[in-house]
Amino acid sequence: MFCPFCRYPDSRVIDSRTSDDGLSIRRRRQCPDCGRRFSTTETASLNVVKRSGVVQPFSREKIVSGVRKACQGRPVTDTDLALLAQRVEESIRATGASQVDANDIGLAILPPLRELDEVAYLRFASVYQGFDSLEDFESAITLLRVEHEAAREEGLTEA
């Protein structure tokens, strides 16, 4: 790390702290040559490979804007969307990959969106998974109903 003041090619870390969101580290450094102090912020890069092959930096805002369309008219707040985007990013970062396909991000969005709002989930899945017919919607709804029924029965048997 070059000193921003004298351009000395090294520095000493005095203090390290994680940021509020836990996704970056703030380091306080001191130059051994001129003695001045400065701060750096370190983050792990995460890139998205689009279907076209273009590579872009990961963006929570893009997740929020994409999911917001599916949530139009639903009782979903901006805070809910921000938390969903955070969960998606955490699940993707947990894989340890520095590059992820856009398709994998879409798959990572589906489970938390389903927990948040099933109608928004169906809307998003219909576009993302390319529902072509009423049968596609019917099978997705049937699957939701079966899982609701199983969860309800599980709740009754555990009580």
N, C-alpha and C. Protein backbone atom coordinates (compact mmCIF):
# COMPACT_ATOMS: atom_id res chain seq x y z
N MET A 1 0.85 -1.17 0.00
CA MET A 1 0.00 0.00 0.00
C MET A 1 0.90 1.23 0.00
N PHE A 2 0.81 2.02 -1.05
CA PHE A 2 1.60 3.25 -1.14
C PHE A 2 1.05 4.31 -0.21
N CYS A 3 1.93 5.04 0.43
CA CYS A 3 1.52 6.17 1.26
C CYS A 3 0.95 7.24 0.33
N PRO A 4 -0.25 7.76 0.60
CA PRO A 4 -0.83 8.77 -0.28
C PRO A 4 -0.12 10.13 -0.16
N PHE A 5 0.74 10.31 0.84
CA PHE A 5 1.41 11.59 1.04
C PHE A 5 2.81 11.61 0.41
N CYS A 6 3.62 10.56 0.71
CA CYS A 6 5.00 10.58 0.22
C CYS A 6 5.28 9.47 -0.80
N ARG A 7 4.30 8.64 -1.08
CA ARG A 7 4.38 7.55 -2.05
C ARG A 7 5.34 6.42 -1.64
N TYR A 8 5.69 6.37 -0.36
CA TYR A 8 6.52 5.27 0.14
C TYR A 8 5.74 3.97 -0.10
N PRO A 9 6.43 2.90 -0.58
CA PRO A 9 5.70 1.70 -1.03
C PRO A 9 5.23 0.74 0.07
N ASP A 10 5.22 1.18 1.32
CA ASP A 10 4.79 0.29 2.39
C ASP A 10 4.08 1.09 3.47
N SER A 11 3.32 0.39 4.31
CA SER A 11 2.67 1.04 5.44
C SER A 11 2.45 0.00 6.52
N ARG A 12 2.19 0.49 7.72
CA ARG A 12 1.96 -0.39 8.87
C ARG A 12 0.52 -0.22 9.32
N VAL A 13 -0.17 -1.36 9.54
CA VAL A 13 -1.55 -1.31 10.01
C VAL A 13 -1.54 -1.06 11.51
N ILE A 14 -2.25 0.00 11.93
CA ILE A 14 -2.33 0.35 13.34
C ILE A 14 -3.61 -0.22 13.97
N ASP A 15 -4.71 -0.18 13.19
CA ASP A 15 -6.00 -0.62 13.71
C ASP A 15 -6.85 -1.16 12.56
N SER A 16 -7.63 -2.21 12.83
CA SER A 16 -8.56 -2.78 11.85
C SER A 16 -9.92 -2.96 12.49
N ARG A 17 -10.96 -2.57 11.76
CA ARG A 17 -12.34 -2.73 12.23
C ARG A 17 -13.24 -3.09 11.08
N THR A 18 -14.23 -3.92 11.37
CA THR A 18 -15.20 -4.22 10.31
C THR A 18 -16.21 -3.09 10.25
N SER A 19 -16.78 -2.90 9.07
CA SER A 19 -17.79 -1.87 8.90
C SER A 19 -19.10 -2.32 9.53
N ASP A 20 -20.07 -1.42 9.56
CA ASP A 20 -21.37 -1.71 10.17
C ASP A 20 -22.06 -2.89 9.52
N ASP A 21 -21.98 -2.99 8.19
CA ASP A 21 -22.65 -4.09 7.50
C ASP A 21 -21.82 -5.36 7.47
N GLY A 22 -20.59 -5.29 7.95
CA GLY A 22 -19.73 -6.46 8.02
C GLY A 22 -19.12 -6.89 6.69
N LEU A 23 -19.31 -6.11 5.64
CA LEU A 23 -18.82 -6.49 4.33
C LEU A 23 -17.50 -5.84 3.95
N SER A 24 -17.01 -4.95 4.79
CA SER A 24 -15.73 -4.33 4.49
C SER A 24 -14.94 -4.15 5.79
N ILE A 25 -13.66 -3.90 5.62
CA ILE A 25 -12.77 -3.69 6.76
C ILE A 25 -12.11 -2.33 6.61
N ARG A 26 -12.17 -1.55 7.67
CA ARG A 26 -11.52 -0.23 7.68
C ARG A 26 -10.20 -0.40 8.42
N ARG A 27 -9.12 0.01 7.78
CA ARG A 27 -7.80 -0.11 8.41
C ARG A 27 -7.19 1.28 8.57
N ARG A 28 -6.65 1.53 9.73
CA ARG A 28 -5.90 2.75 9.99
C ARG A 28 -4.44 2.37 9.80
N ARG A 29 -3.73 3.13 8.96
CA ARG A 29 -2.34 2.81 8.60
C ARG A 29 -1.43 3.99 8.91
N GLN A 30 -0.14 3.66 9.05
CA GLN A 30 0.88 4.68 9.27
C GLN A 30 2.06 4.39 8.36
N CYS A 31 2.55 5.44 7.72
CA CYS A 31 3.70 5.32 6.84
C CYS A 31 4.97 5.31 7.69
N PRO A 32 5.83 4.30 7.51
CA PRO A 32 7.08 4.26 8.29
C PRO A 32 8.10 5.31 7.85
N ASP A 33 7.89 5.89 6.65
CA ASP A 33 8.84 6.88 6.15
C ASP A 33 8.50 8.29 6.64
N CYS A 34 7.28 8.75 6.36
CA CYS A 34 6.92 10.12 6.75
C CYS A 34 6.14 10.19 8.07
N GLY A 35 5.64 9.02 8.55
CA GLY A 35 4.95 8.99 9.83
C GLY A 35 3.50 9.42 9.80
N ARG A 36 2.99 9.82 8.65
CA ARG A 36 1.59 10.27 8.56
C ARG A 36 0.66 9.07 8.55
N ARG A 37 -0.57 9.31 9.00
CA ARG A 37 -1.58 8.26 9.08
C ARG A 37 -2.67 8.46 8.04
N PHE A 38 -3.25 7.34 7.61
CA PHE A 38 -4.35 7.39 6.65
C PHE A 38 -5.21 6.13 6.82
N SER A 39 -6.40 6.19 6.28
CA SER A 39 -7.34 5.06 6.39
C SER A 39 -7.58 4.43 5.03
N THR A 40 -7.80 3.11 5.05
CA THR A 40 -8.18 2.40 3.83
C THR A 40 -9.42 1.56 4.14
N THR A 41 -10.16 1.26 3.11
CA THR A 41 -11.31 0.38 3.23
C THR A 41 -11.11 -0.78 2.28
N GLU A 42 -11.23 -1.99 2.80
CA GLU A 42 -11.02 -3.18 1.99
C GLU A 42 -12.34 -3.95 1.87
N THR A 43 -12.65 -4.37 0.65
CA THR A 43 -13.82 -5.19 0.41
C THR A 43 -13.43 -6.34 -0.52
N ALA A 44 -14.14 -7.44 -0.37
CA ALA A 44 -13.93 -8.56 -1.29
C ALA A 44 -14.76 -8.28 -2.54
N SER A 45 -14.14 -8.35 -3.68
CA SER A 45 -14.87 -8.06 -4.91
C SER A 45 -15.76 -9.24 -5.28
N LEU A 46 -16.91 -8.91 -5.82
CA LEU A 46 -17.87 -9.91 -6.29
C LEU A 46 -18.40 -9.42 -7.62
N ASN A 47 -18.17 -10.20 -8.66
CA ASN A 47 -18.58 -9.82 -10.00
C ASN A 47 -19.66 -10.75 -10.53
N VAL A 48 -20.52 -10.18 -11.37
CA VAL A 48 -21.62 -10.92 -11.96
C VAL A 48 -21.34 -11.09 -13.45
N VAL A 49 -21.45 -12.34 -13.91
CA VAL A 49 -21.30 -12.63 -15.34
C VAL A 49 -22.70 -12.69 -15.93
N LYS A 50 -22.99 -11.71 -16.78
CA LYS A 50 -24.31 -11.64 -17.41
C LYS A 50 -24.42 -12.70 -18.52
N ARG A 51 -25.64 -12.92 -18.98
CA ARG A 51 -25.86 -13.91 -20.05
C ARG A 51 -25.06 -13.57 -21.32
N SER A 52 -24.87 -12.28 -21.55
CA SER A 52 -24.13 -11.84 -22.73
C SER A 52 -22.62 -12.03 -22.59
N GLY A 53 -22.17 -12.39 -21.38
CA GLY A 53 -20.75 -12.57 -21.14
C GLY A 53 -20.09 -11.36 -20.50
N VAL A 54 -20.82 -10.25 -20.41
CA VAL A 54 -20.30 -9.03 -19.79
C VAL A 54 -20.17 -9.26 -18.28
N VAL A 55 -19.08 -8.78 -17.71
CA VAL A 55 -18.84 -8.90 -16.28
C VAL A 55 -19.05 -7.54 -15.63
N GLN A 56 -19.88 -7.52 -14.58
CA GLN A 56 -20.17 -6.28 -13.86
C GLN A 56 -20.02 -6.51 -12.36
N PRO A 57 -19.76 -5.46 -11.60
CA PRO A 57 -19.71 -5.61 -10.14
C PRO A 57 -21.10 -5.94 -9.60
N PHE A 58 -21.15 -6.74 -8.56
CA PHE A 58 -22.41 -7.09 -7.91
C PHE A 58 -23.05 -5.82 -7.35
N SER A 59 -24.38 -5.74 -7.42
CA SER A 59 -25.09 -4.57 -6.91
C SER A 59 -26.38 -4.99 -6.22
N ARG A 60 -26.47 -4.66 -4.92
CA ARG A 60 -27.72 -4.91 -4.19
C ARG A 60 -28.86 -4.10 -4.80
N GLU A 61 -28.55 -2.90 -5.27
CA GLU A 61 -29.58 -2.03 -5.83
C GLU A 61 -30.28 -2.69 -7.02
N LYS A 62 -29.52 -3.45 -7.82
CA LYS A 62 -30.12 -4.13 -8.97
C LYS A 62 -31.08 -5.23 -8.51
N ILE A 63 -30.74 -5.90 -7.43
CA ILE A 63 -31.64 -6.91 -6.88
C ILE A 63 -32.92 -6.23 -6.39
N VAL A 64 -32.76 -5.15 -5.65
CA VAL A 64 -33.93 -4.43 -5.12
C VAL A 64 -34.82 -3.95 -6.26
N SER A 65 -34.24 -3.35 -7.29
CA SER A 65 -35.07 -2.83 -8.39
C SER A 65 -35.76 -3.94 -9.15
N GLY A 66 -35.09 -5.08 -9.33
CA GLY A 66 -35.71 -6.20 -10.02
C GLY A 66 -36.85 -6.82 -9.23
N VAL A 67 -36.65 -6.96 -7.94
CA VAL A 67 -37.67 -7.56 -7.09
C VAL A 67 -38.81 -6.58 -6.83
N ARG A 68 -38.49 -5.29 -6.80
CA ARG A 68 -39.53 -4.28 -6.57
C ARG A 68 -40.64 -4.38 -7.61
N LYS A 69 -40.30 -4.67 -8.84
CA LYS A 69 -41.31 -4.81 -9.89
C LYS A 69 -42.26 -5.95 -9.58
N ALA A 70 -41.73 -7.05 -9.07
CA ALA A 70 -42.57 -8.19 -8.73
C ALA A 70 -43.43 -7.91 -7.50
N CYS A 71 -43.01 -6.96 -6.67
CA CYS A 71 -43.71 -6.64 -5.43
C CYS A 71 -44.70 -5.49 -5.58
N GLN A 72 -44.85 -4.97 -6.78
CA GLN A 72 -45.76 -3.84 -7.00
C GLN A 72 -47.16 -4.19 -6.53
N GLY A 73 -47.73 -3.32 -5.69
CA GLY A 73 -49.08 -3.52 -5.19
C GLY A 73 -49.16 -4.52 -4.05
N ARG A 74 -48.05 -5.01 -3.58
CA ARG A 74 -48.00 -5.97 -2.48
C ARG A 74 -47.55 -5.26 -1.21
N PRO A 75 -47.90 -5.82 -0.04
CA PRO A 75 -47.51 -5.18 1.23
C PRO A 75 -46.04 -5.44 1.59
N VAL A 76 -45.14 -4.95 0.74
CA VAL A 76 -43.70 -5.15 0.93
C VAL A 76 -43.05 -3.77 1.03
N THR A 77 -42.28 -3.56 2.07
CA THR A 77 -41.65 -2.26 2.29
C THR A 77 -40.24 -2.21 1.68
N ASP A 78 -39.71 -1.01 1.59
CA ASP A 78 -38.33 -0.85 1.11
C ASP A 78 -37.34 -1.55 2.05
N THR A 79 -37.65 -1.54 3.34
CA THR A 79 -36.80 -2.23 4.31
C THR A 79 -36.81 -3.73 4.04
N ASP A 80 -37.99 -4.29 3.73
CA ASP A 80 -38.08 -5.71 3.39
C ASP A 80 -37.20 -6.04 2.19
N LEU A 81 -37.25 -5.16 1.18
CA LEU A 81 -36.46 -5.39 -0.03
C LEU A 81 -34.96 -5.28 0.26
N ALA A 82 -34.58 -4.33 1.10
CA ALA A 82 -33.17 -4.17 1.45
C ALA A 82 -32.67 -5.41 2.20
N LEU A 83 -33.49 -5.93 3.11
CA LEU A 83 -33.09 -7.14 3.84
C LEU A 83 -33.01 -8.35 2.93
N LEU A 84 -33.92 -8.44 1.97
CA LEU A 84 -33.88 -9.53 1.00
C LEU A 84 -32.59 -9.46 0.19
N ALA A 85 -32.25 -8.27 -0.29
CA ALA A 85 -31.02 -8.10 -1.07
C ALA A 85 -29.79 -8.45 -0.23
N GLN A 86 -29.82 -8.10 1.04
CA GLN A 86 -28.70 -8.44 1.93
C GLN A 86 -28.58 -9.95 2.09
N ARG A 87 -29.71 -10.63 2.28
CA ARG A 87 -29.70 -12.09 2.41
C ARG A 87 -29.16 -12.75 1.14
N VAL A 88 -29.58 -12.24 -0.01
CA VAL A 88 -29.11 -12.79 -1.28
C VAL A 88 -27.61 -12.61 -1.40
N GLU A 89 -27.13 -11.40 -1.10
CA GLU A 89 -25.68 -11.16 -1.19
C GLU A 89 -24.91 -12.05 -0.23
N GLU A 90 -25.41 -12.21 0.98
CA GLU A 90 -24.72 -13.06 1.95
C GLU A 90 -24.67 -14.51 1.48
N SER A 91 -25.76 -15.00 0.89
CA SER A 91 -25.76 -16.39 0.42
C SER A 91 -24.80 -16.57 -0.75
N ILE A 92 -24.70 -15.56 -1.61
CA ILE A 92 -23.78 -15.65 -2.74
C ILE A 92 -22.33 -15.55 -2.27
N ARG A 93 -22.06 -14.64 -1.35
CA ARG A 93 -20.69 -14.50 -0.83
C ARG A 93 -20.26 -15.75 -0.07
N ALA A 94 -21.22 -16.43 0.54
CA ALA A 94 -20.91 -17.64 1.31
C ALA A 94 -20.36 -18.76 0.43
N THR A 95 -20.61 -18.68 -0.86
CA THR A 95 -20.08 -19.69 -1.78
C THR A 95 -18.57 -19.54 -1.94
N GLY A 96 -18.05 -18.34 -1.67
CA GLY A 96 -16.62 -18.09 -1.78
C GLY A 96 -16.16 -17.74 -3.18
N ALA A 97 -17.08 -17.73 -4.13
CA ALA A 97 -16.71 -17.41 -5.52
C ALA A 97 -16.56 -15.90 -5.69
N SER A 98 -15.62 -15.50 -6.54
CA SER A 98 -15.45 -14.07 -6.82
C SER A 98 -16.28 -13.65 -8.03
N GLN A 99 -16.72 -14.64 -8.83
CA GLN A 99 -17.60 -14.38 -9.97
C GLN A 99 -18.79 -15.31 -9.88
N VAL A 100 -19.97 -14.78 -10.17
CA VAL A 100 -21.19 -15.58 -10.10
C VAL A 100 -22.03 -15.28 -11.34
N ASP A 101 -22.69 -16.29 -11.87
CA ASP A 101 -23.57 -16.09 -13.02
C ASP A 101 -24.84 -15.37 -12.59
N ALA A 102 -25.36 -14.53 -13.47
CA ALA A 102 -26.60 -13.82 -13.20
C ALA A 102 -27.72 -14.81 -12.89
N ASN A 103 -27.70 -15.95 -13.54
CA ASN A 103 -28.71 -16.98 -13.31
C ASN A 103 -28.68 -17.47 -11.86
N ASP A 104 -27.49 -17.61 -11.29
CA ASP A 104 -27.35 -18.04 -9.90
C ASP A 104 -27.91 -17.01 -8.93
N ILE A 105 -27.81 -15.75 -9.29
CA ILE A 105 -28.39 -14.70 -8.45
C ILE A 105 -29.90 -14.82 -8.46
N GLY A 106 -30.47 -15.05 -9.63
CA GLY A 106 -31.92 -15.24 -9.71
C GLY A 106 -32.38 -16.41 -8.87
N LEU A 107 -31.63 -17.51 -8.90
CA LEU A 107 -31.97 -18.67 -8.08
C LEU A 107 -31.86 -18.35 -6.59
N ALA A 108 -30.87 -17.52 -6.23
CA ALA A 108 -30.69 -17.14 -4.82
C ALA A 108 -31.79 -16.20 -4.34
N ILE A 109 -32.43 -15.47 -5.26
CA ILE A 109 -33.51 -14.54 -4.89
C ILE A 109 -34.79 -15.31 -4.55
N LEU A 110 -35.04 -16.40 -5.24
CA LEU A 110 -36.33 -17.09 -5.11
C LEU A 110 -36.71 -17.51 -3.68
N PRO A 111 -35.85 -18.22 -2.93
CA PRO A 111 -36.28 -18.64 -1.58
C PRO A 111 -36.63 -17.50 -0.62
N PRO A 112 -35.79 -16.46 -0.48
CA PRO A 112 -36.19 -15.39 0.45
C PRO A 112 -37.40 -14.59 -0.05
N LEU A 113 -37.55 -14.48 -1.36
CA LEU A 113 -38.73 -13.77 -1.90
C LEU A 113 -39.99 -14.57 -1.61
N ARG A 114 -39.88 -15.87 -1.69
CA ARG A 114 -41.03 -16.73 -1.39
C ARG A 114 -41.46 -16.57 0.06
N GLU A 115 -40.48 -16.47 0.97
CA GLU A 115 -40.80 -16.24 2.38
C GLU A 115 -41.43 -14.87 2.59
N LEU A 116 -40.98 -13.89 1.82
CA LEU A 116 -41.47 -12.53 1.98
C LEU A 116 -42.89 -12.36 1.47
N ASP A 117 -43.16 -12.83 0.25
CA ASP A 117 -44.48 -12.66 -0.35
C ASP A 117 -44.64 -13.67 -1.49
N GLU A 118 -45.59 -14.57 -1.33
CA GLU A 118 -45.74 -15.63 -2.32
C GLU A 118 -46.25 -15.13 -3.67
N VAL A 119 -47.06 -14.09 -3.67
CA VAL A 119 -47.53 -13.54 -4.94
C VAL A 119 -46.37 -12.91 -5.70
N ALA A 120 -45.55 -12.15 -5.00
CA ALA A 120 -44.36 -11.56 -5.62
C ALA A 120 -43.42 -12.66 -6.10
N TYR A 121 -43.32 -13.73 -5.32
CA TYR A 121 -42.50 -14.88 -5.71
C TYR A 121 -42.99 -15.45 -7.04
N LEU A 122 -44.30 -15.66 -7.17
CA LEU A 122 -44.85 -16.21 -8.41
C LEU A 122 -44.62 -15.26 -9.58
N ARG A 123 -44.76 -13.97 -9.35
CA ARG A 123 -44.51 -12.99 -10.42
C ARG A 123 -43.05 -13.07 -10.88
N PHE A 124 -42.14 -13.05 -9.91
CA PHE A 124 -40.72 -13.08 -10.24
C PHE A 124 -40.36 -14.39 -10.92
N ALA A 125 -40.84 -15.51 -10.37
CA ALA A 125 -40.54 -16.82 -10.94
C ALA A 125 -41.11 -16.94 -12.35
N SER A 126 -42.26 -16.33 -12.58
CA SER A 126 -42.87 -16.45 -13.91
C SER A 126 -42.01 -15.80 -14.98
N VAL A 127 -41.36 -14.71 -14.63
CA VAL A 127 -40.47 -14.04 -15.58
C VAL A 127 -39.12 -14.74 -15.59
N TYR A 128 -38.58 -14.98 -14.40
CA TYR A 128 -37.24 -15.54 -14.29
C TYR A 128 -37.17 -16.95 -14.87
N GLN A 129 -38.16 -17.77 -14.56
CA GLN A 129 -38.16 -19.15 -15.03
C GLN A 129 -38.91 -19.32 -16.34
N GLY A 130 -39.41 -18.21 -16.89
CA GLY A 130 -40.01 -18.23 -18.22
C GLY A 130 -41.28 -19.06 -18.32
N PHE A 131 -42.25 -18.80 -17.40
CA PHE A 131 -43.52 -19.51 -17.50
C PHE A 131 -44.14 -19.19 -18.85
N ASP A 132 -44.53 -20.24 -19.58
CA ASP A 132 -45.09 -20.06 -20.92
C ASP A 132 -46.59 -20.29 -20.98
N SER A 133 -47.15 -20.93 -19.96
CA SER A 133 -48.56 -21.29 -20.04
C SER A 133 -49.20 -21.25 -18.66
N LEU A 134 -50.51 -21.41 -18.67
CA LEU A 134 -51.25 -21.48 -17.40
C LEU A 134 -50.81 -22.69 -16.59
N GLU A 135 -50.44 -23.76 -17.28
CA GLU A 135 -50.00 -24.97 -16.59
C GLU A 135 -48.74 -24.71 -15.75
N ASP A 136 -47.85 -23.84 -16.25
CA ASP A 136 -46.66 -23.49 -15.48
C ASP A 136 -47.05 -22.81 -14.16
N PHE A 137 -48.02 -21.87 -14.25
CA PHE A 137 -48.50 -21.20 -13.04
C PHE A 137 -49.20 -22.21 -12.13
N GLU A 138 -50.03 -23.06 -12.71
CA GLU A 138 -50.76 -24.03 -11.90
C GLU A 138 -49.82 -24.98 -11.17
N SER A 139 -48.77 -25.42 -11.82
CA SER A 139 -47.84 -26.34 -11.15
C SER A 139 -47.09 -25.62 -10.03
N ALA A 140 -46.73 -24.36 -10.23
CA ALA A 140 -46.05 -23.59 -9.18
C ALA A 140 -46.98 -23.36 -8.00
N ILE A 141 -48.23 -23.05 -8.27
CA ILE A 141 -49.21 -22.84 -7.19
C ILE A 141 -49.49 -24.15 -6.47
N THR A 142 -49.61 -25.24 -7.21
CA THR A 142 -49.83 -26.55 -6.60
C THR A 142 -48.68 -26.90 -5.66
N LEU A 143 -47.47 -26.65 -6.10
CA LEU A 143 -46.30 -26.91 -5.25
C LEU A 143 -46.37 -26.09 -3.96
N LEU A 144 -46.74 -24.82 -4.07
CA LEU A 144 -46.88 -23.97 -2.88
C LEU A 144 -47.94 -24.54 -1.94
N ARG A 145 -49.06 -24.96 -2.50
CA ARG A 145 -50.15 -25.52 -1.68
C ARG A 145 -49.72 -26.80 -0.97
N VAL A 146 -49.02 -27.67 -1.68
CA VAL A 146 -48.55 -28.92 -1.08
C VAL A 146 -47.61 -28.61 0.07
N GLU A 147 -46.72 -27.67 -0.12
CA GLU A 147 -45.77 -27.32 0.94
C GLU A 147 -46.46 -26.65 2.12
N HIS A 148 -47.50 -25.84 1.86
CA HIS A 148 -48.28 -25.24 2.95
C HIS A 148 -48.97 -26.34 3.76
N GLU A 149 -49.54 -27.29 3.06
CA GLU A 149 -50.24 -28.40 3.70
C GLU A 149 -49.28 -29.22 4.54
N ALA A 150 -48.09 -29.50 4.01
CA ALA A 150 -47.09 -30.27 4.75
C ALA A 150 -46.64 -29.51 6.00
N ALA A 151 -46.46 -28.21 5.86
CA ALA A 151 -46.04 -27.39 7.01
C ALA A 151 -47.14 -27.34 8.06
N ARG A 152 -48.38 -27.27 7.62
CA ARG A 152 -49.52 -27.23 8.55
C ARG A 152 -49.60 -28.56 9.30
N GLU A 153 -49.47 -29.68 8.59
CA GLU A 153 -49.52 -30.99 9.24
C GLU A 153 -48.35 -31.18 10.18
N GLU A 154 -47.18 -30.70 9.80
CA GLU A 154 -46.00 -30.81 10.67
C GLU A 154 -46.22 -30.02 11.95
N GLY A 155 -46.84 -28.86 11.82
CA GLY A 155 -47.15 -28.04 13.00
C GLY A 155 -48.14 -28.73 13.92
N LEU A 156 -49.09 -29.47 13.38
CA LEU A 156 -50.07 -30.19 14.20
C LEU A 156 -49.46 -31.39 14.89
N THR A 157 -48.56 -32.10 14.22
CA THR A 157 -47.98 -33.30 14.81
C THR A 157 -46.95 -32.97 15.89
N GLU A 158 -46.31 -31.80 15.79
CA GLU A 158 -45.31 -31.44 16.80
C GLU A 158 -45.94 -30.92 18.07
N ALA A 159 -47.16 -30.44 18.01
CA ALA A 159 -47.82 -29.84 19.17
C ALA A 159 -48.21 -30.82 20.21
